[in-house]
Structures are given as structure tokens and as C-alpha cells.
Amino acid sequence: MPSVTLYTTPFCGYCMAAKRMLTAKGVGFAEIDVAADPARRAEMVNRAKGGRTVPQIFIGEIHVGGFDDLSALDRAGKLDPLLTA
């Protein structure tokens, strides 16, 4: 199972929704809070090819995008194969 990384901020509703979805699927993830750490925010923007909003979600080295993108992958039946690859 590839590692899952979420760049988040503490009071972001979409961040919470992404964490709930992954937790419900039994997927562990690393959460990086970018609110108070400019270096981690810069890392996120660089990894996300300019993406500045949170969450920014990565499955392995694949940049999924935000919660809407994660949810769309799930609805299309493409999320579970990514998580088990």
C-alpha cells in the first residue's frame, strides 16, 4: 500500500472530510499542518505544482489534488485501486 500524505490546516472543513473518508476506508496517512510552518507550506506548493489550497493529497508520488478530486476518484471507482497499488 502506498503512503498517503495530506497537507492540511486545523480548521479546514475539506481537510476534515478527506481525513474522514480515508479513515473510513481504513487508510493510514501522514498529516502535515502547513498553517504555522512556512517551510512546509512552500514544500506543499512545490509538490503540488503551484497548488496553494488545502488539502493537497498525495498517494505515493501521485498528486491527487484536493478533497473534491479525492471524492471524484472514489465515485469513479478509481480511488481503491490507487490505495492498494
PDB file of N, CA and C in Angstrom:
ATOM      1  N   MET A   1       0.860  -1.184   0.000  1.00  0.00           N
ATOM      2  CA  MET A   1       0.000   0.000   0.000  1.00  0.00           C
ATOM      3  C   MET A   1       0.897   1.235   0.000  1.00  0.00           C
ATOM      4  N   PRO A   2       0.674   2.160  -0.931  1.00  0.00           N
ATOM      5  CA  PRO A   2       1.488   3.376  -0.969  1.00  0.00           C
ATOM      6  C   PRO A   2       1.186   4.288   0.218  1.00  0.00           C
ATOM      7  N   SER A   3       2.158   5.117   0.558  1.00  0.00           N
ATOM      8  CA  SER A   3       1.934   6.074   1.639  1.00  0.00           C
ATOM      9  C   SER A   3       0.996   7.173   1.159  1.00  0.00           C
ATOM     10  N   VAL A   4       0.209   7.679   2.083  1.00  0.00           N
ATOM     11  CA  VAL A   4      -0.732   8.762   1.776  1.00  0.00           C
ATOM     12  C   VAL A   4      -0.339   9.960   2.636  1.00  0.00           C
ATOM     13  N   THR A   5      -0.220  11.120   1.997  1.00  0.00           N
ATOM     14  CA  THR A   5       0.154  12.346   2.692  1.00  0.00           C
ATOM     15  C   THR A   5      -0.892  13.412   2.423  1.00  0.00           C
ATOM     16  N   LEU A   6      -1.317  14.072   3.491  1.00  0.00           N
ATOM     17  CA  LEU A   6      -2.267  15.181   3.388  1.00  0.00           C
ATOM     18  C   LEU A   6      -1.623  16.430   3.967  1.00  0.00           C
ATOM     19  N   TYR A   7      -1.594  17.491   3.195  1.00  0.00           N
ATOM     20  CA  TYR A   7      -1.194  18.803   3.693  1.00  0.00           C
ATOM     21  C   TYR A   7      -2.489  19.495   4.099  1.00  0.00           C
ATOM     22  N   THR A   8      -2.562  19.949   5.352  1.00  0.00           N
ATOM     23  CA  THR A   8      -3.812  20.454   5.901  1.00  0.00           C
ATOM     24  C   THR A   8      -3.587  21.712   6.733  1.00  0.00           C
ATOM     25  N   THR A   9      -4.702  22.295   7.164  1.00  0.00           N
ATOM     26  CA  THR A   9      -4.713  23.325   8.203  1.00  0.00           C
ATOM     27  C   THR A   9      -5.762  22.901   9.231  1.00  0.00           C
ATOM     28  N   PRO A  10      -5.666  23.424  10.461  1.00  0.00           N
ATOM     29  CA  PRO A  10      -6.516  22.912  11.543  1.00  0.00           C
ATOM     30  C   PRO A  10      -8.026  23.084  11.367  1.00  0.00           C
ATOM     31  N   PHE A  11      -8.491  24.153  10.773  1.00  0.00           N
ATOM     32  CA  PHE A  11      -9.933  24.405  10.744  1.00  0.00           C
ATOM     33  C   PHE A  11     -10.531  24.294   9.350  1.00  0.00           C
ATOM     34  N   CYS A  12      -9.920  23.504   8.507  1.00  0.00           N
ATOM     35  CA  CYS A  12     -10.361  23.334   7.119  1.00  0.00           C
ATOM     36  C   CYS A  12     -11.383  22.197   7.040  1.00  0.00           C
ATOM     37  N   GLY A  13     -12.594  22.518   6.645  1.00  0.00           N
ATOM     38  CA  GLY A  13     -13.644  21.513   6.524  1.00  0.00           C
ATOM     39  C   GLY A  13     -13.341  20.451   5.481  1.00  0.00           C
ATOM     40  N   TYR A  14     -12.735  20.852   4.365  1.00  0.00           N
ATOM     41  CA  TYR A  14     -12.387  19.883   3.325  1.00  0.00           C
ATOM     42  C   TYR A  14     -11.272  18.952   3.799  1.00  0.00           C
ATOM     43  N   CYS A  15     -10.361  19.485   4.620  1.00  0.00           N
ATOM     44  CA  CYS A  15      -9.303  18.646   5.202  1.00  0.00           C
ATOM     45  C   CYS A  15      -9.924  17.583   6.098  1.00  0.00           C
ATOM     46  N   MET A  16     -10.871  18.005   6.925  1.00  0.00           N
ATOM     47  CA  MET A  16     -11.540  17.068   7.825  1.00  0.00           C
ATOM     48  C   MET A  16     -12.303  16.007   7.039  1.00  0.00           C
ATOM     49  N   ALA A  17     -12.957  16.419   5.959  1.00  0.00           N
ATOM     50  CA  ALA A  17     -13.702  15.464   5.132  1.00  0.00           C
ATOM     51  C   ALA A  17     -12.765  14.443   4.491  1.00  0.00           C
ATOM     52  N   ALA A  18     -11.617  14.890   4.015  1.00  0.00           N
ATOM     53  CA  ALA A  18     -10.647  13.969   3.411  1.00  0.00           C
ATOM     54  C   ALA A  18     -10.142  12.972   4.448  1.00  0.00           C
ATOM     55  N   LYS A  19      -9.847  13.465   5.647  1.00  0.00           N
ATOM     56  CA  LYS A  19      -9.372  12.569   6.709  1.00  0.00           C
ATOM     57  C   LYS A  19     -10.455  11.562   7.093  1.00  0.00           C
ATOM     58  N   ARG A  20     -11.712  12.007   7.158  1.00  0.00           N
ATOM     59  CA  ARG A  20     -12.822  11.084   7.474  1.00  0.00           C
ATOM     60  C   ARG A  20     -12.947  10.002   6.412  1.00  0.00           C
ATOM     61  N   MET A  21     -12.875  10.402   5.137  1.00  0.00           N
ATOM     62  CA  MET A  21     -13.019   9.431   4.047  1.00  0.00           C
ATOM     63  C   MET A  21     -11.908   8.379   4.111  1.00  0.00           C
ATOM     64  N   LEU A  22     -10.675   8.830   4.266  1.00  0.00           N
ATOM     65  CA  LEU A  22      -9.558   7.889   4.309  1.00  0.00           C
ATOM     66  C   LEU A  22      -9.629   6.990   5.540  1.00  0.00           C
ATOM     67  N   THR A  23     -10.002   7.558   6.673  1.00  0.00           N
ATOM     68  CA  THR A  23     -10.137   6.777   7.899  1.00  0.00           C
ATOM     69  C   THR A  23     -11.230   5.723   7.738  1.00  0.00           C
ATOM     70  N   ALA A  24     -12.354   6.100   7.120  1.00  0.00           N
ATOM     71  CA  ALA A  24     -13.452   5.151   6.902  1.00  0.00           C
ATOM     72  C   ALA A  24     -13.019   3.996   6.002  1.00  0.00           C
ATOM     73  N   LYS A  25     -12.057   4.256   5.120  1.00  0.00           N
ATOM     74  CA  LYS A  25     -11.549   3.204   4.242  1.00  0.00           C
ATOM     75  C   LYS A  25     -10.434   2.399   4.909  1.00  0.00           C
ATOM     76  N   GLY A  26     -10.071   2.777   6.134  1.00  0.00           N
ATOM     77  CA  GLY A  26      -9.018   2.065   6.847  1.00  0.00           C
ATOM     78  C   GLY A  26      -7.621   2.423   6.366  1.00  0.00           C
ATOM     79  N   VAL A  27      -7.483   3.593   5.776  1.00  0.00           N
ATOM     80  CA  VAL A  27      -6.203   4.020   5.217  1.00  0.00           C
ATOM     81  C   VAL A  27      -5.478   4.922   6.213  1.00  0.00           C
ATOM     82  N   GLY A  28      -4.260   4.571   6.531  1.00  0.00           N
ATOM     83  CA  GLY A  28      -3.431   5.431   7.362  1.00  0.00           C
ATOM     84  C   GLY A  28      -2.826   6.531   6.511  1.00  0.00           C
ATOM     85  N   PHE A  29      -2.544   7.659   7.119  1.00  0.00           N
ATOM     86  CA  PHE A  29      -1.975   8.768   6.355  1.00  0.00           C
ATOM     87  C   PHE A  29      -1.112   9.633   7.258  1.00  0.00           C
ATOM     88  N   ALA A  30      -0.184  10.329   6.617  1.00  0.00           N
ATOM     89  CA  ALA A  30       0.627  11.321   7.312  1.00  0.00           C
ATOM     90  C   ALA A  30      -0.023  12.672   7.063  1.00  0.00           C
ATOM     91  N   GLU A  31      -0.199  13.430   8.136  1.00  0.00           N
ATOM     92  CA  GLU A  31      -0.815  14.752   8.027  1.00  0.00           C
ATOM     93  C   GLU A  31       0.240  15.807   8.326  1.00  0.00           C
ATOM     94  N   ILE A  32       0.361  16.763   7.432  1.00  0.00           N
ATOM     95  CA  ILE A  32       1.311  17.849   7.600  1.00  0.00           C
ATOM     96  C   ILE A  32       0.520  19.147   7.703  1.00  0.00           C
ATOM     97  N   ASP A  33       0.587  19.777   8.866  1.00  0.00           N
ATOM     98  CA  ASP A  33      -0.120  21.035   9.124  1.00  0.00           C
ATOM     99  C   ASP A  33       0.738  22.181   8.595  1.00  0.00           C
ATOM    100  N   VAL A  34       0.245  22.876   7.584  1.00  0.00           N
ATOM    101  CA  VAL A  34       1.011  23.954   6.951  1.00  0.00           C
ATOM    102  C   VAL A  34       0.657  25.330   7.504  1.00  0.00           C
ATOM    103  N   ALA A  35      -0.253  25.397   8.453  1.00  0.00           N
ATOM    104  CA  ALA A  35      -0.723  26.690   8.953  1.00  0.00           C
ATOM    105  C   ALA A  35       0.379  27.500   9.622  1.00  0.00           C
ATOM    106  N   ALA A  36       1.200  26.868  10.403  1.00  0.00           N
ATOM    107  CA  ALA A  36       2.181  27.612  11.187  1.00  0.00           C
ATOM    108  C   ALA A  36       3.612  27.405  10.701  1.00  0.00           C
ATOM    109  N   ASP A  37       3.784  26.703   9.585  1.00  0.00           N
ATOM    110  CA  ASP A  37       5.136  26.385   9.142  1.00  0.00           C
ATOM    111  C   ASP A  37       5.322  26.780   7.680  1.00  0.00           C
ATOM    112  N   PRO A  38       5.862  27.963   7.432  1.00  0.00           N
ATOM    113  CA  PRO A  38       6.037  28.433   6.050  1.00  0.00           C
ATOM    114  C   PRO A  38       6.873  27.488   5.190  1.00  0.00           C
ATOM    115  N   ALA A  39       7.835  26.800   5.788  1.00  0.00           N
ATOM    116  CA  ALA A  39       8.660  25.875   5.011  1.00  0.00           C
ATOM    117  C   ALA A  39       7.838  24.698   4.510  1.00  0.00           C
ATOM    118  N   ARG A  40       6.952  24.180   5.344  1.00  0.00           N
ATOM    119  CA  ARG A  40       6.102  23.055   4.921  1.00  0.00           C
ATOM    120  C   ARG A  40       5.077  23.511   3.890  1.00  0.00           C
ATOM    121  N   ARG A  41       4.574  24.747   4.027  1.00  0.00           N
ATOM    122  CA  ARG A  41       3.645  25.286   3.021  1.00  0.00           C
ATOM    123  C   ARG A  41       4.366  25.406   1.675  1.00  0.00           C
ATOM    124  N   ALA A  42       5.595  25.895   1.685  1.00  0.00           N
ATOM    125  CA  ALA A  42       6.373  26.003   0.447  1.00  0.00           C
ATOM    126  C   ALA A  42       6.614  24.619  -0.159  1.00  0.00           C
ATOM    127  N   GLU A  43       6.886  23.642   0.696  1.00  0.00           N
ATOM    128  CA  GLU A  43       7.044  22.257   0.236  1.00  0.00           C
ATOM    129  C   GLU A  43       5.767  21.776  -0.453  1.00  0.00           C
ATOM    130  N   MET A  44       4.614  22.058   0.166  1.00  0.00           N
ATOM    131  CA  MET A  44       3.325  21.656  -0.399  1.00  0.00           C
ATOM    132  C   MET A  44       3.117  22.291  -1.771  1.00  0.00           C
ATOM    133  N   VAL A  45       3.341  23.598  -1.870  1.00  0.00           N
ATOM    134  CA  VAL A  45       3.130  24.313  -3.135  1.00  0.00           C
ATOM    135  C   VAL A  45       4.044  23.745  -4.214  1.00  0.00           C
ATOM    136  N   ASN A  46       5.276  23.444  -3.851  1.00  0.00           N
ATOM    137  CA  ASN A  46       6.221  22.870  -4.803  1.00  0.00           C
ATOM    138  C   ASN A  46       5.773  21.487  -5.257  1.00  0.00           C
ATOM    139  N   ARG A  47       5.424  20.624  -4.310  1.00  0.00           N
ATOM    140  CA  ARG A  47       4.979  19.261  -4.651  1.00  0.00           C
ATOM    141  C   ARG A  47       3.702  19.275  -5.467  1.00  0.00           C
ATOM    142  N   ALA A  48       2.806  20.228  -5.152  1.00  0.00           N
ATOM    143  CA  ALA A  48       1.504  20.299  -5.823  1.00  0.00           C
ATOM    144  C   ALA A  48       1.570  21.135  -7.094  1.00  0.00           C
ATOM    145  N   LYS A  49       2.778  21.443  -7.561  1.00  0.00           N
ATOM    146  CA  LYS A  49       2.962  22.207  -8.797  1.00  0.00           C
ATOM    147  C   LYS A  49       2.175  23.511  -8.787  1.00  0.00           C
ATOM    148  N   GLY A  50       2.253  24.216  -7.643  1.00  0.00           N
ATOM    149  CA  GLY A  50       1.610  25.519  -7.527  1.00  0.00           C
ATOM    150  C   GLY A  50       0.311  25.522  -6.747  1.00  0.00           C
ATOM    151  N   GLY A  51      -0.184  24.367  -6.371  1.00  0.00           N
ATOM    152  CA  GLY A  51      -1.427  24.291  -5.600  1.00  0.00           C
ATOM    153  C   GLY A  51      -1.250  24.912  -4.225  1.00  0.00           C
ATOM    154  N   ARG A  52      -2.073  25.898  -3.899  1.00  0.00           N
ATOM    155  CA  ARG A  52      -1.931  26.623  -2.639  1.00  0.00           C
ATOM    156  C   ARG A  52      -3.056  26.348  -1.647  1.00  0.00           C
ATOM    157  N   THR A  53      -4.130  25.731  -2.099  1.00  0.00           N
ATOM    158  CA  THR A  53      -5.255  25.461  -1.211  1.00  0.00           C
ATOM    159  C   THR A  53      -5.038  24.146  -0.478  1.00  0.00           C
ATOM    160  N   VAL A  54      -5.741  23.982   0.629  1.00  0.00           N
ATOM    161  CA  VAL A  54      -5.676  22.722   1.371  1.00  0.00           C
ATOM    162  C   VAL A  54      -7.048  22.069   1.346  1.00  0.00           C
ATOM    163  N   PRO A  55      -7.086  20.773   1.418  1.00  0.00           N
ATOM    164  CA  PRO A  55      -5.937  19.882   1.492  1.00  0.00           C
ATOM    165  C   PRO A  55      -5.282  19.690   0.125  1.00  0.00           C
ATOM    166  N   GLN A  56      -4.034  19.312   0.152  1.00  0.00           N
ATOM    167  CA  GLN A  56      -3.343  18.776  -1.021  1.00  0.00           C
ATOM    168  C   GLN A  56      -3.019  17.344  -0.634  1.00  0.00           C
ATOM    169  N   ILE A  57      -3.462  16.407  -1.473  1.00  0.00           N
ATOM    170  CA  ILE A  57      -3.410  14.987  -1.131  1.00  0.00           C
ATOM    171  C   ILE A  57      -2.507  14.253  -2.114  1.00  0.00           C
ATOM    172  N   PHE A  58      -1.635  13.426  -1.567  1.00  0.00           N
ATOM    173  CA  PHE A  58      -0.728  12.613  -2.369  1.00  0.00           C
ATOM    174  C   PHE A  58      -0.878  11.157  -1.966  1.00  0.00           C
ATOM    175  N   ILE A  59      -0.977  10.297  -2.968  1.00  0.00           N
ATOM    176  CA  ILE A  59      -0.959   8.847  -2.750  1.00  0.00           C
ATOM    177  C   ILE A  59       0.325   8.364  -3.401  1.00  0.00           C
ATOM    178  N   GLY A  60       1.276   7.967  -2.575  1.00  0.00           N
ATOM    179  CA  GLY A  60       2.620   7.714  -3.087  1.00  0.00           C
ATOM    180  C   GLY A  60       3.140   9.021  -3.657  1.00  0.00           C
ATOM    181  N   GLU A  61       3.593   8.998  -4.881  1.00  0.00           N
ATOM    182  CA  GLU A  61       4.065  10.218  -5.542  1.00  0.00           C
ATOM    183  C   GLU A  61       2.994  10.842  -6.436  1.00  0.00           C
ATOM    184  N   ILE A  62       1.809  10.252  -6.451  1.00  0.00           N
ATOM    185  CA  ILE A  62       0.722  10.763  -7.291  1.00  0.00           C
ATOM    186  C   ILE A  62       0.014  11.904  -6.570  1.00  0.00           C
ATOM    187  N   HIS A  63      -0.040  13.052  -7.222  1.00  0.00           N
ATOM    188  CA  HIS A  63      -0.768  14.196  -6.663  1.00  0.00           C
ATOM    189  C   HIS A  63      -2.237  14.048  -7.035  1.00  0.00           C
ATOM    190  N   VAL A  64      -3.060  13.763  -6.045  1.00  0.00           N
ATOM    191  CA  VAL A  64      -4.494  13.587  -6.270  1.00  0.00           C
ATOM    192  C   VAL A  64      -5.170  14.943  -6.435  1.00  0.00           C
ATOM    193  N   GLY A  65      -4.764  15.921  -5.634  1.00  0.00           N
ATOM    194  CA  GLY A  65      -5.404  17.235  -5.622  1.00  0.00           C
ATOM    195  C   GLY A  65      -6.044  17.462  -4.270  1.00  0.00           C
ATOM    196  N   GLY A  66      -7.236  18.048  -4.274  1.00  0.00           N
ATOM    197  CA  GLY A  66      -7.949  18.342  -3.043  1.00  0.00           C
ATOM    198  C   GLY A  66      -9.030  17.319  -2.741  1.00  0.00           C
ATOM    199  N   PHE A  67      -9.889  17.664  -1.796  1.00  0.00           N
ATOM    200  CA  PHE A  67     -10.949  16.727  -1.402  1.00  0.00           C
ATOM    201  C   PHE A  67     -11.909  16.445  -2.553  1.00  0.00           C
ATOM    202  N   ASP A  68     -12.276  17.466  -3.320  1.00  0.00           N
ATOM    203  CA  ASP A  68     -13.187  17.232  -4.449  1.00  0.00           C
ATOM    204  C   ASP A  68     -12.606  16.208  -5.414  1.00  0.00           C
ATOM    205  N   ASP A  69     -11.302  16.286  -5.653  1.00  0.00           N
ATOM    206  CA  ASP A  69     -10.641  15.332  -6.545  1.00  0.00           C
ATOM    207  C   ASP A  69     -10.619  13.933  -5.942  1.00  0.00           C
ATOM    208  N   LEU A  70     -10.339  13.866  -4.634  1.00  0.00           N
ATOM    209  CA  LEU A  70     -10.353  12.578  -3.934  1.00  0.00           C
ATOM    210  C   LEU A  70     -11.731  11.944  -4.005  1.00  0.00           C
ATOM    211  N   SER A  71     -12.750  12.736  -3.761  1.00  0.00           N
ATOM    212  CA  SER A  71     -14.132  12.261  -3.791  1.00  0.00           C
ATOM    213  C   SER A  71     -14.524  11.802  -5.195  1.00  0.00           C
ATOM    214  N   ALA A  72     -14.100  12.548  -6.224  1.00  0.00           N
ATOM    215  CA  ALA A  72     -14.414  12.169  -7.606  1.00  0.00           C
ATOM    216  C   ALA A  72     -13.751  10.844  -7.964  1.00  0.00           C
ATOM    217  N   LEU A  73     -12.515  10.642  -7.519  1.00  0.00           N
ATOM    218  CA  LEU A  73     -11.850   9.360  -7.755  1.00  0.00           C
ATOM    219  C   LEU A  73     -12.616   8.220  -7.097  1.00  0.00           C
ATOM    220  N   ASP A  74     -13.090   8.465  -5.883  1.00  0.00           N
ATOM    221  CA  ASP A  74     -13.848   7.436  -5.168  1.00  0.00           C
ATOM    222  C   ASP A  74     -15.144   7.104  -5.904  1.00  0.00           C
ATOM    223  N   ARG A  75     -15.884   8.124  -6.320  1.00  0.00           N
ATOM    224  CA  ARG A  75     -17.147   7.901  -7.038  1.00  0.00           C
ATOM    225  C   ARG A  75     -16.929   7.152  -8.357  1.00  0.00           C
ATOM    226  N   ALA A  76     -15.791   7.395  -8.989  1.00  0.00           N
ATOM    227  CA  ALA A  76     -15.490   6.742 -10.266  1.00  0.00           C
ATOM    228  C   ALA A  76     -14.906   5.338 -10.076  1.00  0.00           C
ATOM    229  N   GLY A  77     -14.727   4.922  -8.821  1.00  0.00           N
ATOM    230  CA  GLY A  77     -14.172   3.600  -8.554  1.00  0.00           C
ATOM    231  C   GLY A  77     -12.670   3.516  -8.781  1.00  0.00           C
ATOM    232  N   LYS A  78     -11.991   4.670  -8.831  1.00  0.00           N
ATOM    233  CA  LYS A  78     -10.555   4.681  -9.115  1.00  0.00           C
ATOM    234  C   LYS A  78      -9.687   4.897  -7.876  1.00  0.00           C
ATOM    235  N   LEU A  79     -10.306   5.221  -6.739  1.00  0.00           N
ATOM    236  CA  LEU A  79      -9.520   5.500  -5.546  1.00  0.00           C
ATOM    237  C   LEU A  79      -8.969   4.217  -4.912  1.00  0.00           C
ATOM    238  N   ASP A  80      -9.819   3.229  -4.718  1.00  0.00           N
ATOM    239  CA  ASP A  80      -9.374   1.996  -4.066  1.00  0.00           C
ATOM    240  C   ASP A  80      -8.190   1.342  -4.801  1.00  0.00           C
ATOM    241  N   PRO A  81      -8.216   1.253  -6.142  1.00  0.00           N
ATOM    242  CA  PRO A  81      -7.041   0.684  -6.823  1.00  0.00           C
ATOM    243  C   PRO A  81      -5.761   1.487  -6.579  1.00  0.00           C
ATOM    244  N   LEU A  82      -5.874   2.818  -6.490  1.00  0.00           N
ATOM    245  CA  LEU A  82      -4.695   3.637  -6.179  1.00  0.00           C
ATOM    246  C   LEU A  82      -4.170   3.338  -4.788  1.00  0.00           C
ATOM    247  N   LEU A  83      -5.085   3.143  -3.848  1.00  0.00           N
ATOM    248  CA  LEU A  83      -4.692   2.908  -2.460  1.00  0.00           C
ATOM    249  C   LEU A  83      -4.095   1.530  -2.245  1.00  0.00           C
ATOM    250  N   THR A  84      -4.400   0.583  -3.101  1.00  0.00           N
ATOM    251  CA  THR A  84      -3.900  -0.784  -2.924  1.00  0.00           C
ATOM    252  C   THR A  84      -2.768  -1.135  -3.883  1.00  0.00           C
ATOM    253  N   ALA A  85      -2.391  -0.187  -4.740  1.00  0.00           N
ATOM    254  CA  ALA A  85      -1.323  -0.465  -5.744  1.00  0.00           C
ATOM    255  C   ALA A  85       0.008  -0.712  -5.075  1.00  0.00           C
TER     256      ALA A  85
END
